[in-house]
N, C-alpha and C. Protein backbone atom coordinates (compact mmCIF):
# COMPACT_ATOMS: atom_id res chain seq x y z
N MET A 1 103.01 184.26 112.75
CA MET A 1 104.08 183.46 113.12
C MET A 1 103.54 183.02 114.39
N SER A 2 103.77 181.63 114.30
CA SER A 2 103.46 180.90 115.55
C SER A 2 104.04 180.87 116.41
N TRP A 3 103.70 180.75 117.81
CA TRP A 3 104.30 180.96 119.26
C TRP A 3 105.61 180.19 119.28
N PHE A 4 105.71 179.20 118.51
CA PHE A 4 107.11 178.46 118.53
C PHE A 4 108.05 179.02 117.85
N ALA A 5 107.56 179.53 116.58
CA ALA A 5 108.59 180.31 116.04
C ALA A 5 109.12 181.70 116.24
N ARG A 6 108.02 182.26 117.26
CA ARG A 6 108.25 183.38 118.02
C ARG A 6 109.34 183.06 119.03
N PHE A 7 108.87 182.16 119.98
CA PHE A 7 109.88 181.68 121.07
C PHE A 7 111.38 180.95 120.47
N ILE A 8 111.36 181.04 119.32
CA ILE A 8 112.84 179.80 118.81
C ILE A 8 113.63 181.19 118.41
N THR A 9 112.75 182.39 117.94
CA THR A 9 113.64 183.32 117.40
C THR A 9 113.95 184.50 118.27
N SER A 10 113.53 184.33 119.62
CA SER A 10 113.74 185.21 120.79
C SER A 10 115.38 184.76 121.60
N SER A 11 115.55 185.98 122.15
CA SER A 11 116.66 185.54 122.97
C SER A 11 116.52 184.53 124.01
N ILE A 12 115.51 184.17 124.54
CA ILE A 12 115.26 183.31 125.47
C ILE A 12 115.36 181.47 124.65
N GLY A 13 114.34 181.93 123.60
CA GLY A 13 114.82 180.76 122.65
C GLY A 13 116.26 180.11 122.11
N GLN A 14 116.78 181.30 121.71
CA GLN A 14 118.01 181.03 121.14
C GLN A 14 118.85 180.51 122.46
N LYS A 15 118.75 181.28 123.26
CA LYS A 15 119.63 180.28 124.72
C LYS A 15 119.05 178.45 125.04
N PHE A 16 117.68 178.33 124.79
CA PHE A 16 117.54 177.23 125.21
C PHE A 16 118.09 176.06 124.11
N VAL A 17 118.06 176.84 122.75
CA VAL A 17 118.59 175.80 121.42
C VAL A 17 119.93 175.65 122.11
N MET A 18 120.46 176.89 122.30
CA MET A 18 122.04 176.60 122.60
C MET A 18 122.27 175.77 123.90
N ALA A 19 121.61 175.70 124.72
CA ALA A 19 121.67 174.87 126.03
C ALA A 19 121.06 173.21 125.48
N LEU A 20 120.21 173.19 124.61
CA LEU A 20 120.08 171.89 124.49
C LEU A 20 121.00 170.79 123.23
N THR A 21 121.35 172.05 122.58
CA THR A 21 122.24 171.48 121.68
C THR A 21 123.94 171.00 122.16
N GLY A 22 124.23 171.97 123.09
CA GLY A 22 125.01 171.89 124.10
C GLY A 22 125.25 170.90 124.76
N LEU A 23 123.89 170.66 125.40
CA LEU A 23 124.22 169.12 126.40
C LEU A 23 124.33 168.00 125.18
N PHE A 24 123.30 167.90 124.25
CA PHE A 24 123.96 167.15 123.01
C PHE A 24 125.15 166.43 122.68
N LEU A 25 126.30 167.95 122.59
CA LEU A 25 127.29 167.63 122.08
C LEU A 25 128.31 167.51 123.12
N ILE A 26 127.88 167.80 124.28
CA ILE A 26 128.54 167.69 125.55
C ILE A 26 128.65 165.73 125.79
N LEU A 27 127.45 165.23 125.73
CA LEU A 27 127.02 163.77 125.94
C LEU A 27 127.71 163.17 124.40
N PHE A 28 127.80 163.57 123.47
CA PHE A 28 128.59 163.00 121.99
C PHE A 28 129.70 162.81 122.37
N LEU A 29 130.35 163.87 123.29
CA LEU A 29 132.02 163.63 123.51
C LEU A 29 132.63 162.73 124.35
N ALA A 30 131.55 162.20 125.13
CA ALA A 30 131.77 161.01 126.11
C ALA A 30 131.75 159.57 124.76
N VAL A 31 131.03 159.58 124.54
CA VAL A 31 130.75 158.30 123.18
C VAL A 31 132.01 158.52 122.41
N HIS A 32 132.31 159.83 122.12
CA HIS A 32 133.11 159.61 120.92
C HIS A 32 134.81 159.36 121.37
N LEU A 33 134.64 159.97 122.70
CA LEU A 33 136.16 159.46 123.48
C LEU A 33 135.96 158.09 123.88
N ALA A 34 135.00 156.95 124.04
CA ALA A 34 135.06 156.02 124.06
C ALA A 34 135.47 155.09 122.85
N GLY A 35 135.27 155.65 122.01
CA GLY A 35 135.87 155.28 120.39
C GLY A 35 137.22 155.51 120.45
N ASN A 36 137.62 156.47 120.63
CA ASN A 36 138.92 156.93 120.39
C ASN A 36 140.15 156.18 121.43
N LEU A 37 139.49 155.75 122.57
CA LEU A 37 140.46 155.05 123.29
C LEU A 37 140.88 153.89 122.86
N GLN A 38 140.07 153.32 122.08
CA GLN A 38 140.00 151.85 121.39
C GLN A 38 141.82 151.93 120.31
N LEU A 39 142.11 153.36 120.26
CA LEU A 39 143.20 153.26 119.54
C LEU A 39 144.62 153.14 120.34
N LEU A 40 144.26 153.24 121.69
CA LEU A 40 145.71 152.72 122.40
C LEU A 40 145.58 151.25 123.10
N LYS A 41 144.82 150.28 122.40
CA LYS A 41 144.68 148.97 122.55
C LYS A 41 146.10 148.60 121.80
N GLN A 42 146.55 147.53 122.21
CA GLN A 42 148.04 147.08 121.49
C GLN A 42 147.49 145.69 120.88
N ASP A 43 146.73 145.86 119.78
CA ASP A 43 146.10 144.79 118.88
C ASP A 43 146.19 145.36 117.43
N GLY A 44 147.37 146.35 116.72
CA GLY A 44 147.64 146.58 115.62
C GLY A 44 146.43 147.65 114.86
N GLY A 45 145.40 147.77 115.70
CA GLY A 45 144.46 148.85 115.46
C GLY A 45 143.04 147.73 114.87
N GLU A 46 143.06 147.02 115.22
CA GLU A 46 141.62 146.05 115.27
C GLU A 46 140.41 146.56 115.72
N ALA A 47 140.64 147.12 117.08
CA ALA A 47 139.31 147.11 118.15
C ALA A 47 139.02 148.83 117.04
N PHE A 48 140.03 149.69 116.99
CA PHE A 48 139.77 150.76 116.60
C PHE A 48 139.04 150.75 114.92
N ASN A 49 139.72 150.15 114.15
CA ASN A 49 138.90 149.77 112.52
C ASN A 49 137.80 149.25 112.63
N THR A 50 137.47 148.60 113.59
CA THR A 50 136.30 147.52 113.60
C THR A 50 134.98 148.74 114.39
N TYR A 51 135.71 149.22 115.21
CA TYR A 51 134.86 150.17 115.62
C TYR A 51 134.26 151.31 114.79
N ALA A 52 135.47 151.91 114.02
CA ALA A 52 135.16 152.78 113.23
C ALA A 52 134.40 152.39 111.89
N HIS A 53 134.50 151.05 111.44
CA HIS A 53 133.46 150.62 110.29
C HIS A 53 131.83 150.41 110.78
N PHE A 54 131.71 149.89 111.95
CA PHE A 54 130.27 149.68 112.75
C PHE A 54 129.70 151.50 112.73
N MET A 55 130.54 152.22 113.28
CA MET A 55 129.98 153.86 113.42
C MET A 55 129.58 154.29 111.85
N THR A 56 130.19 153.72 110.91
CA THR A 56 130.35 154.26 109.56
C THR A 56 129.34 153.84 108.96
N THR A 57 129.06 152.47 109.10
CA THR A 57 127.95 152.03 108.26
C THR A 57 126.26 151.36 109.02
N ASN A 58 126.18 151.78 110.23
CA ASN A 58 125.24 151.16 110.94
C ASN A 58 124.17 152.04 110.32
N PRO A 59 123.06 151.73 110.23
CA PRO A 59 122.25 152.72 109.66
C PRO A 59 121.60 154.03 110.87
N LEU A 60 121.22 153.37 112.07
CA LEU A 60 120.99 154.08 113.24
C LEU A 60 122.11 155.13 113.62
N ILE A 61 123.23 154.82 113.76
CA ILE A 61 124.61 155.56 113.95
C ILE A 61 124.46 156.65 113.00
N LYS A 62 124.44 156.40 111.74
CA LYS A 62 124.66 157.45 110.62
C LYS A 62 123.54 158.45 110.60
N THR A 63 122.30 157.63 110.98
CA THR A 63 120.97 158.93 111.50
C THR A 63 121.55 159.66 112.13
N VAL A 64 122.05 159.16 113.65
CA VAL A 64 122.15 160.45 114.73
C VAL A 64 123.32 161.18 114.32
N SER A 65 124.37 160.81 113.29
CA SER A 65 125.71 161.26 112.77
C SER A 65 124.95 162.75 112.30
N TYR A 66 124.03 162.81 111.30
CA TYR A 66 123.48 163.49 110.73
C TYR A 66 122.92 164.67 111.57
N LEU A 67 122.15 164.26 112.56
CA LEU A 67 121.87 165.03 113.87
C LEU A 67 122.88 165.74 114.57
N LEU A 68 124.00 165.04 114.42
CA LEU A 68 125.31 165.69 115.20
C LEU A 68 125.79 166.93 114.43
N TYR A 69 126.08 166.59 112.84
CA TYR A 69 126.41 167.40 112.10
C TYR A 69 125.93 169.00 112.10
N THR A 70 124.09 168.92 112.20
CA THR A 70 123.03 169.72 112.10
C THR A 70 123.21 170.67 113.59
N PHE A 71 123.27 170.03 114.96
CA PHE A 71 123.65 170.65 115.85
C PHE A 71 124.56 171.41 115.87
N ILE A 72 125.80 170.92 115.42
CA ILE A 72 127.29 171.43 115.64
C ILE A 72 127.24 172.83 114.61
N LEU A 73 126.61 172.47 113.65
CA LEU A 73 126.38 173.88 112.73
C LEU A 73 125.53 175.02 113.45
N LEU A 74 123.98 174.61 114.33
CA LEU A 74 123.33 175.22 114.78
C LEU A 74 123.84 175.57 115.89
N HIS A 75 124.28 174.98 116.76
CA HIS A 75 124.93 175.53 118.22
C HIS A 75 126.10 176.63 117.79
N THR A 76 126.69 176.44 117.06
CA THR A 76 127.80 177.61 116.26
C THR A 76 127.29 178.88 116.00
N ILE A 77 126.01 178.71 115.06
CA ILE A 77 125.51 179.85 114.58
C ILE A 77 124.66 180.42 115.87
N GLN A 78 123.97 179.81 116.44
CA GLN A 78 123.51 180.57 117.54
C GLN A 78 124.19 181.18 118.72
N GLY A 79 125.35 180.58 118.61
CA GLY A 79 126.45 181.05 119.71
C GLY A 79 127.16 182.53 118.84
N ILE A 80 127.09 182.49 117.84
CA ILE A 80 127.24 183.94 117.01
C ILE A 80 126.52 184.62 117.12
N LEU A 81 124.96 184.44 116.81
CA LEU A 81 124.04 185.49 116.93
C LEU A 81 123.73 186.09 118.21
N LEU A 82 123.71 185.15 119.39
CA LEU A 82 123.65 185.55 121.15
C LEU A 82 124.72 186.19 121.26
N TRP A 83 125.90 186.15 120.72
CA TRP A 83 127.07 186.97 121.01
C TRP A 83 126.81 188.58 120.41
N ARG A 84 126.68 188.50 119.09
CA ARG A 84 126.33 189.84 118.73
C ARG A 84 125.65 190.59 119.36
N TYR A 85 124.34 190.01 119.86
CA TYR A 85 123.05 190.49 120.43
C TYR A 85 123.36 191.17 122.03
N ASN A 86 124.30 189.84 122.50
CA ASN A 86 124.79 190.54 124.01
C ASN A 86 125.92 191.62 123.85
N ARG A 87 126.58 191.78 122.89
CA ARG A 87 127.21 192.75 122.63
C ARG A 87 126.70 194.17 122.35
N ALA A 88 125.43 193.92 121.45
CA ALA A 88 124.78 195.03 121.04
C ALA A 88 124.12 195.59 122.47
N ALA A 89 123.55 194.76 122.93
CA ALA A 89 122.99 194.83 124.75
C ALA A 89 123.91 195.59 125.30
N ARG A 90 125.24 195.28 125.56
CA ARG A 90 126.26 195.98 126.70
C ARG A 90 126.39 197.49 125.92
N GLY A 91 126.53 197.31 124.51
CA GLY A 91 126.24 198.61 123.63
C GLY A 91 125.48 200.14 124.39
N GLN A 92 124.39 199.47 124.40
CA GLN A 92 123.05 200.33 125.02
C GLN A 92 123.41 200.32 126.53
N GLN A 93 123.97 199.51 126.83
CA GLN A 93 123.64 199.65 128.50
C GLN A 93 125.13 199.86 129.02
N ARG A 94 125.87 200.46 128.43
CA ARG A 94 127.35 200.95 128.98
C ARG A 94 127.27 202.08 130.08
N TYR A 95 126.57 202.67 130.37
CA TYR A 95 126.34 203.60 131.40
C TYR A 95 125.72 203.23 132.63
N ALA A 96 124.72 201.91 132.51
CA ALA A 96 124.35 201.48 133.28
C ALA A 96 125.07 200.68 134.46
N VAL A 97 124.63 200.55 135.51
CA VAL A 97 125.02 199.56 136.72
C VAL A 97 124.35 198.41 136.37
N VAL A 98 125.06 197.39 136.09
CA VAL A 98 124.55 195.83 135.92
C VAL A 98 125.17 194.84 136.75
N TYR A 99 124.59 194.14 137.67
CA TYR A 99 124.81 193.33 138.54
C TYR A 99 124.06 192.18 138.21
N SER A 100 125.41 191.16 138.79
CA SER A 100 124.88 189.51 138.45
C SER A 100 125.83 188.68 139.04
N ARG A 101 125.01 187.65 139.67
CA ARG A 101 126.07 186.51 140.42
C ARG A 101 127.16 186.23 139.20
N PRO A 102 128.41 185.77 139.97
CA PRO A 102 129.45 185.22 139.23
C PRO A 102 129.08 184.17 138.08
N GLU A 103 128.54 183.63 138.78
CA GLU A 103 128.63 182.18 137.97
C GLU A 103 127.06 182.60 137.03
N GLU A 104 126.74 183.46 136.71
CA GLU A 104 125.64 184.03 135.63
C GLU A 104 126.32 184.87 134.90
N ARG A 105 127.29 185.33 135.28
CA ARG A 105 127.94 186.40 133.98
C ARG A 105 128.74 185.39 132.87
N PRO A 106 128.50 185.92 131.91
CA PRO A 106 128.92 184.84 130.81
C PRO A 106 130.20 185.09 130.20
N ALA A 107 131.33 183.97 130.26
CA ALA A 107 132.31 184.42 130.04
C ALA A 107 133.09 184.93 129.08
N ARG A 108 133.94 185.80 129.19
CA ARG A 108 134.35 187.12 128.08
C ARG A 108 135.42 185.72 126.98
N GLY A 109 134.96 186.25 125.57
CA GLY A 109 135.79 185.24 124.50
C GLY A 109 134.88 184.11 124.27
N MET A 110 133.90 183.56 124.73
CA MET A 110 133.34 182.24 124.63
C MET A 110 132.84 182.44 122.89
N ALA A 111 132.62 183.56 122.36
CA ALA A 111 132.34 183.50 120.82
C ALA A 111 133.65 183.00 120.09
N TRP A 112 134.63 183.29 120.68
CA TRP A 112 135.97 182.98 119.99
C TRP A 112 136.37 181.72 120.25
N LEU A 113 136.13 181.51 121.55
CA LEU A 113 136.51 179.63 121.57
C LEU A 113 135.89 179.09 120.99
N GLY A 114 134.26 179.26 120.75
CA GLY A 114 133.66 178.57 120.06
C GLY A 114 134.20 178.50 118.40
N ILE A 115 134.57 179.66 117.82
CA ILE A 115 134.90 179.92 116.35
C ILE A 115 136.66 179.15 116.09
N ILE A 116 137.30 179.11 117.51
CA ILE A 116 138.29 177.83 117.33
C ILE A 116 137.90 176.74 117.08
N ILE A 117 137.13 176.44 118.32
CA ILE A 117 136.71 174.92 118.39
C ILE A 117 135.84 174.21 116.91
N PHE A 118 135.30 175.52 116.43
CA PHE A 118 134.33 175.22 115.13
C PHE A 118 135.24 174.82 114.15
N VAL A 119 136.69 175.53 113.95
CA VAL A 119 137.73 175.43 112.75
C VAL A 119 138.13 173.94 113.28
N PHE A 120 138.68 173.52 114.58
CA PHE A 120 139.46 172.47 114.90
C PHE A 120 138.66 171.03 114.22
N ILE A 121 137.39 171.59 114.50
CA ILE A 121 136.55 170.48 113.95
C ILE A 121 136.17 170.17 112.59
N LEU A 122 136.48 171.14 111.58
CA LEU A 122 136.28 171.16 110.56
C LEU A 122 137.83 170.34 109.86
N ILE A 123 138.81 170.91 110.62
CA ILE A 123 139.96 169.96 109.98
C ILE A 123 139.83 168.86 110.57
N HIS A 124 139.49 168.60 111.55
CA HIS A 124 138.93 167.09 112.35
C HIS A 124 138.71 166.07 111.31
N LEU A 125 137.15 166.88 110.77
CA LEU A 125 136.32 166.17 110.19
C LEU A 125 137.07 165.72 108.37
N TYR A 126 137.75 166.58 108.04
CA TYR A 126 138.42 166.57 106.95
C TYR A 126 139.65 165.32 107.05
N GLN A 127 140.71 165.24 108.33
CA GLN A 127 141.62 164.55 108.22
C GLN A 127 141.05 163.19 108.47
N PHE A 128 139.97 162.87 109.29
CA PHE A 128 139.68 161.60 109.37
C PHE A 128 138.38 161.25 108.92
N TRP A 129 137.34 162.01 109.18
CA TRP A 129 135.87 161.84 108.42
C TRP A 129 135.76 161.72 107.51
N PHE A 130 136.28 162.76 106.39
CA PHE A 130 136.31 162.47 104.97
C PHE A 130 137.07 161.45 104.36
N GLN A 131 138.23 161.18 105.17
CA GLN A 131 139.07 160.02 104.36
C GLN A 131 138.66 158.75 104.59
N MET A 132 137.77 158.74 105.90
CA MET A 132 137.49 157.49 105.94
C MET A 132 135.82 156.89 105.12
N HIS A 133 135.65 158.02 104.72
CA HIS A 133 134.23 157.96 103.48
C HIS A 133 134.48 157.92 101.82
N TRP A 134 135.74 159.10 101.91
CA TRP A 134 136.13 158.98 100.44
C TRP A 134 137.26 159.42 99.88
N GLY A 135 138.32 158.85 101.27
CA GLY A 135 139.84 158.69 100.94
C GLY A 135 140.04 157.39 100.56
N GLU A 136 141.16 157.53 99.76
CA GLU A 136 141.91 156.15 99.44
C GLU A 136 142.91 155.05 100.62
N LEU A 137 142.04 154.81 101.67
CA LEU A 137 142.55 153.49 102.90
C LEU A 137 142.41 152.36 101.85
N LYS A 138 143.60 151.79 102.63
CA LYS A 138 143.99 150.25 102.33
C LYS A 138 142.71 149.64 103.08
N MET A 139 142.62 148.49 102.77
CA MET A 139 141.53 147.64 103.45
C MET A 139 142.13 146.48 104.31
N VAL A 140 141.61 146.00 105.21
CA VAL A 140 142.75 145.26 106.17
C VAL A 140 141.33 144.07 106.74
N ALA A 141 141.71 143.14 106.67
CA ALA A 141 140.98 141.77 107.45
C ALA A 141 141.25 141.58 108.54
N TYR A 142 140.44 141.02 109.60
CA TYR A 142 140.54 140.36 110.84
C TYR A 142 139.86 139.06 110.88
N PRO A 143 140.70 137.91 111.71
CA PRO A 143 139.96 136.84 111.46
C PRO A 143 138.60 136.90 112.61
N ALA A 144 138.51 137.41 113.40
CA ALA A 144 137.19 137.79 114.36
C ALA A 144 136.04 138.81 113.46
N TYR A 145 136.10 139.16 112.55
CA TYR A 145 135.49 140.03 111.83
C TYR A 145 135.04 139.58 110.42
N PRO A 146 133.83 139.65 109.88
CA PRO A 146 133.07 139.15 108.94
C PRO A 146 133.81 139.43 107.57
N HIS A 147 134.42 140.88 107.55
CA HIS A 147 134.52 141.12 106.54
C HIS A 147 135.97 142.56 106.50
N GLU A 148 136.05 142.70 105.44
CA GLU A 148 137.57 143.73 105.44
C GLU A 148 136.51 145.22 105.72
N VAL A 149 137.63 145.65 106.25
CA VAL A 149 137.59 147.22 107.04
C VAL A 149 138.69 147.99 106.50
N LYS A 150 138.14 149.33 106.48
CA LYS A 150 139.08 150.42 106.12
C LYS A 150 140.28 150.34 107.20
N ASP A 151 141.44 150.62 106.89
CA ASP A 151 142.64 151.06 107.84
C ASP A 151 142.64 152.43 108.09
N LEU A 152 141.06 153.14 109.22
CA LEU A 152 141.73 154.06 109.75
C LEU A 152 142.55 154.54 110.38
N TYR A 153 142.74 153.54 111.25
CA TYR A 153 143.96 153.40 112.15
C TYR A 153 145.29 153.31 111.52
N SER A 154 146.02 153.40 110.77
CA SER A 154 146.85 153.69 109.95
C SER A 154 147.00 155.04 109.87
N LEU A 155 146.18 155.87 109.22
CA LEU A 155 146.17 156.97 108.85
C LEU A 155 145.96 158.23 110.29
N VAL A 156 145.07 157.58 111.07
CA VAL A 156 145.15 158.12 112.46
C VAL A 156 147.13 157.88 113.44
N SER A 157 147.58 157.19 113.07
CA SER A 157 148.79 156.60 113.73
C SER A 157 149.96 157.59 113.09
N ALA A 158 149.46 157.79 111.47
CA ALA A 158 150.51 158.47 111.11
C ALA A 158 150.28 160.10 111.20
N THR A 159 149.10 160.49 111.33
CA THR A 159 148.93 162.08 111.53
C THR A 159 149.07 162.24 112.98
N TYR A 160 149.28 161.52 113.66
CA TYR A 160 150.02 161.77 115.06
C TYR A 160 151.59 161.60 115.50
N GLN A 161 151.90 161.29 114.22
CA GLN A 161 153.66 161.68 114.46
C GLN A 161 153.76 162.87 114.04
N ASP A 162 153.45 163.89 113.48
CA ASP A 162 153.51 165.06 113.18
C ASP A 162 153.39 166.25 114.56
N PRO A 163 154.68 166.45 115.27
CA PRO A 163 154.69 167.18 116.39
C PRO A 163 153.82 168.20 116.53
N VAL A 164 153.48 169.15 114.97
CA VAL A 164 153.03 170.37 115.04
C VAL A 164 151.60 170.12 115.36
N PHE A 165 150.37 169.03 114.74
CA PHE A 165 149.59 168.68 114.62
C PHE A 165 149.30 168.34 116.36
N VAL A 166 150.05 167.51 116.69
CA VAL A 166 149.66 166.84 118.02
C VAL A 166 149.73 168.35 118.99
N ILE A 167 150.63 169.20 119.15
CA ILE A 167 150.53 170.15 120.17
C ILE A 167 149.00 171.00 119.50
N PHE A 168 148.72 171.50 118.42
CA PHE A 168 147.60 171.96 117.98
C PHE A 168 146.28 171.15 118.41
N TYR A 169 146.51 169.60 118.54
CA TYR A 169 145.30 169.14 118.68
C TYR A 169 145.27 169.35 120.90
N VAL A 170 146.34 169.32 121.40
CA VAL A 170 146.34 169.57 122.56
C VAL A 170 145.87 171.07 122.88
N ALA A 171 146.27 171.94 122.13
CA ALA A 171 146.18 173.11 122.40
C ALA A 171 144.36 173.20 122.15
N SER A 172 143.91 172.79 121.30
CA SER A 172 142.63 172.58 121.23
C SER A 172 141.65 171.98 122.18
N MET A 173 142.15 170.83 122.34
CA MET A 173 141.53 170.21 123.74
C MET A 173 141.26 170.84 125.10
N VAL A 174 142.60 172.21 125.18
CA VAL A 174 142.42 173.37 126.28
C VAL A 174 141.38 174.18 126.15
N VAL A 175 140.98 174.28 124.69
CA VAL A 175 140.16 175.50 124.64
C VAL A 175 138.80 174.86 124.95
N ILE A 176 138.40 173.21 124.16
CA ILE A 176 137.51 172.79 124.59
C ILE A 176 137.36 172.46 125.94
N GLY A 177 138.02 172.26 126.76
CA GLY A 177 137.95 172.36 128.38
C GLY A 177 137.23 173.48 128.86
N ILE A 178 137.91 174.51 128.47
CA ILE A 178 137.54 175.82 128.87
C ILE A 178 136.05 176.26 128.51
N HIS A 179 135.65 175.89 127.11
CA HIS A 179 134.28 176.33 126.54
C HIS A 179 133.11 175.42 127.52
N LEU A 180 133.59 173.94 127.64
CA LEU A 180 132.49 172.79 128.61
C LEU A 180 132.57 173.19 129.60
N TRP A 181 133.62 174.03 130.38
CA TRP A 181 133.35 174.42 132.18
C TRP A 181 131.96 175.41 131.53
N HIS A 182 132.41 176.37 130.65
CA HIS A 182 131.20 177.41 131.00
C HIS A 182 130.44 176.88 130.43
N GLY A 183 130.13 176.17 129.27
CA GLY A 183 128.74 175.79 128.52
C GLY A 183 128.30 174.96 129.63
N PHE A 184 128.98 173.95 130.36
CA PHE A 184 128.10 172.97 131.27
C PHE A 184 127.16 173.50 132.21
N TRP A 185 127.77 174.69 132.88
CA TRP A 185 127.00 175.32 133.62
C TRP A 185 126.01 176.43 133.01
N SER A 186 126.24 177.08 132.47
CA SER A 186 125.10 177.57 131.44
C SER A 186 123.73 176.89 131.09
N ALA A 187 124.05 175.90 130.24
CA ALA A 187 122.92 175.05 129.68
C ALA A 187 122.12 174.70 130.90
N PHE A 188 122.76 174.02 132.05
CA PHE A 188 122.23 173.65 133.07
C PHE A 188 121.09 175.17 133.93
N HIS A 189 121.85 176.23 133.69
CA HIS A 189 121.24 177.60 134.19
C HIS A 189 120.05 177.75 133.25
N THR A 190 120.26 177.87 132.08
CA THR A 190 119.34 178.27 130.83
C THR A 190 117.90 177.35 131.39
N LEU A 191 118.20 175.87 131.54
CA LEU A 191 117.16 175.13 131.57
C LEU A 191 116.48 175.55 132.85
N GLY A 192 116.84 176.23 133.73
CA GLY A 192 115.75 176.27 135.05
C GLY A 192 116.76 175.40 136.25
N LEU A 193 117.78 174.89 136.10
CA LEU A 193 118.77 174.24 137.23
C LEU A 193 119.32 175.11 137.74
N GLY A 194 119.48 176.13 137.80
CA GLY A 194 120.45 177.35 138.50
C GLY A 194 120.60 177.53 140.08
N HIS A 195 119.34 176.99 140.40
CA HIS A 195 119.00 177.02 141.77
C HIS A 195 120.21 176.90 142.99
N ARG A 196 120.18 177.77 143.98
CA ARG A 196 121.50 177.52 144.64
C ARG A 196 121.64 176.36 145.23
N LYS A 197 120.35 175.73 145.55
CA LYS A 197 120.46 173.89 146.12
C LYS A 197 121.50 173.12 145.17
N TYR A 198 121.28 173.28 143.87
CA TYR A 198 122.15 172.40 143.12
C TYR A 198 123.58 172.93 142.04
N VAL A 199 123.75 174.38 142.71
CA VAL A 199 125.11 174.61 142.14
C VAL A 199 126.24 174.04 142.10
N PRO A 200 126.32 173.80 143.64
CA PRO A 200 127.57 172.95 143.96
C PRO A 200 127.89 172.00 143.40
N VAL A 201 126.88 171.32 142.89
CA VAL A 201 126.80 169.59 142.06
C VAL A 201 127.43 170.09 140.88
N VAL A 202 126.39 171.04 140.09
CA VAL A 202 126.45 171.12 138.79
C VAL A 202 127.69 171.98 138.75
N ARG A 203 128.14 172.73 139.48
CA ARG A 203 129.50 173.18 139.01
C ARG A 203 130.64 172.22 139.31
N PHE A 204 130.71 171.22 140.43
CA PHE A 204 131.25 170.25 140.38
C PHE A 204 131.35 169.10 139.38
N ILE A 205 130.36 168.99 139.01
CA ILE A 205 130.37 167.73 137.84
C ILE A 205 130.96 168.58 136.25
N GLY A 206 130.36 169.64 136.32
CA GLY A 206 131.15 170.22 135.14
C GLY A 206 132.13 170.77 135.16
N MET A 207 132.99 171.06 136.39
CA MET A 207 134.68 171.12 136.13
C MET A 207 135.26 169.81 136.11
N ALA A 208 134.53 168.83 136.36
CA ALA A 208 135.02 167.46 136.62
C ALA A 208 135.20 167.13 135.08
N TYR A 209 134.14 167.04 134.47
CA TYR A 209 133.63 166.76 132.82
C TYR A 209 134.74 167.63 132.16
N ALA A 210 134.67 169.08 132.36
CA ALA A 210 135.80 169.86 131.44
C ALA A 210 137.24 169.57 131.84
N ILE A 211 137.59 169.00 132.75
CA ILE A 211 138.88 168.38 132.86
C ILE A 211 139.12 167.16 132.45
N VAL A 212 138.41 166.10 132.73
CA VAL A 212 138.64 164.81 132.36
C VAL A 212 138.32 164.26 130.92
N ILE A 213 137.32 164.96 130.12
CA ILE A 213 137.11 164.38 129.01
C ILE A 213 138.18 164.90 128.06
N PRO A 214 138.34 166.47 128.22
CA PRO A 214 139.33 167.16 126.95
C PRO A 214 141.05 166.04 127.49
N LEU A 215 141.05 166.10 128.38
CA LEU A 215 142.47 165.47 129.17
C LEU A 215 142.47 163.97 128.27
N LEU A 216 141.51 163.01 128.85
CA LEU A 216 141.93 162.08 128.10
C LEU A 216 141.87 161.85 126.44
N PHE A 217 140.98 162.64 125.67
CA PHE A 217 141.29 163.28 124.40
C PHE A 217 142.81 163.85 123.86
N ALA A 218 143.35 164.44 124.75
CA ALA A 218 144.42 165.04 124.45
C ALA A 218 145.71 163.93 124.74
N ILE A 219 145.52 162.96 125.79
CA ILE A 219 146.54 162.04 126.15
C ILE A 219 146.70 160.97 124.76
N ILE A 220 145.97 160.74 124.32
CA ILE A 220 145.96 159.92 123.07
C ILE A 220 146.49 159.90 122.09
N PRO A 221 146.91 161.38 121.54
CA PRO A 221 147.54 161.58 120.25
C PRO A 221 149.01 161.98 120.66
N VAL A 222 149.39 162.43 122.33
CA VAL A 222 150.45 162.13 122.66
C VAL A 222 151.21 161.20 123.00
N ILE A 223 150.50 159.66 123.14
CA ILE A 223 150.70 158.61 123.78
C ILE A 223 150.94 157.99 122.40
N MET A 224 150.42 158.05 121.79
CA MET A 224 150.46 157.42 120.13
C MET A 224 151.62 158.19 119.35
N HIS A 225 152.19 159.12 119.43
CA HIS A 225 153.29 160.04 118.84
C HIS A 225 154.53 159.86 119.96
N LEU A 226 154.45 159.09 121.08
CA LEU A 226 155.61 158.89 122.00
C LEU A 226 156.03 157.50 121.66
N LYS A 227 154.81 156.93 121.11
CA LYS A 227 155.14 155.28 120.80
C LYS A 227 156.06 155.19 119.22
N GLY A 228 155.66 156.32 118.67
CA GLY A 228 156.16 156.24 117.36
C GLY A 228 155.45 155.54 116.59
């Protein structure tokens, strides 16, 4: 077995994979939010539909999207494996006194939060991503765009009229916010940026990101639901 294989299968290597994939997914959320905010434009869905068309037809974006799906799956699997490893380790040391600084203690229930998020992602992908690629969406044309595009906006708008789904979506954003708050710090700490000199800055950025990004995501379906 090569050194890389040994490293990647070790607990430290798994934590590095979690950190790197987590940071990639954190950055993706900001990009995805920028696209979703197009839903709030008062243009009948033109900005969002043309954005969705570009994101699903551009070769570079499509390649990055496959990397994204791989990272989501890898992040989930590694998270479950680390949770099982840590649980087994705690079982072996249940009588030992273990001290760690508060910011270094893994948040309880992170595995369950991750599973909830993964289920949300699967539902979200089926409702919109799957329908965009293989669903029977009507085609619409815009004067400023060279050809017809699928009307994903109407599907999203109709979905957000369901109060149950809006509540589910907002609750999922709360879970994502909690996961982001812990994951942001944990990723930087794993990558060796946990020095006390940087802790206040990293904690502030992580907290701000974990609040602002999920909040903006949650506002979109609420506004669209209220608009009717």
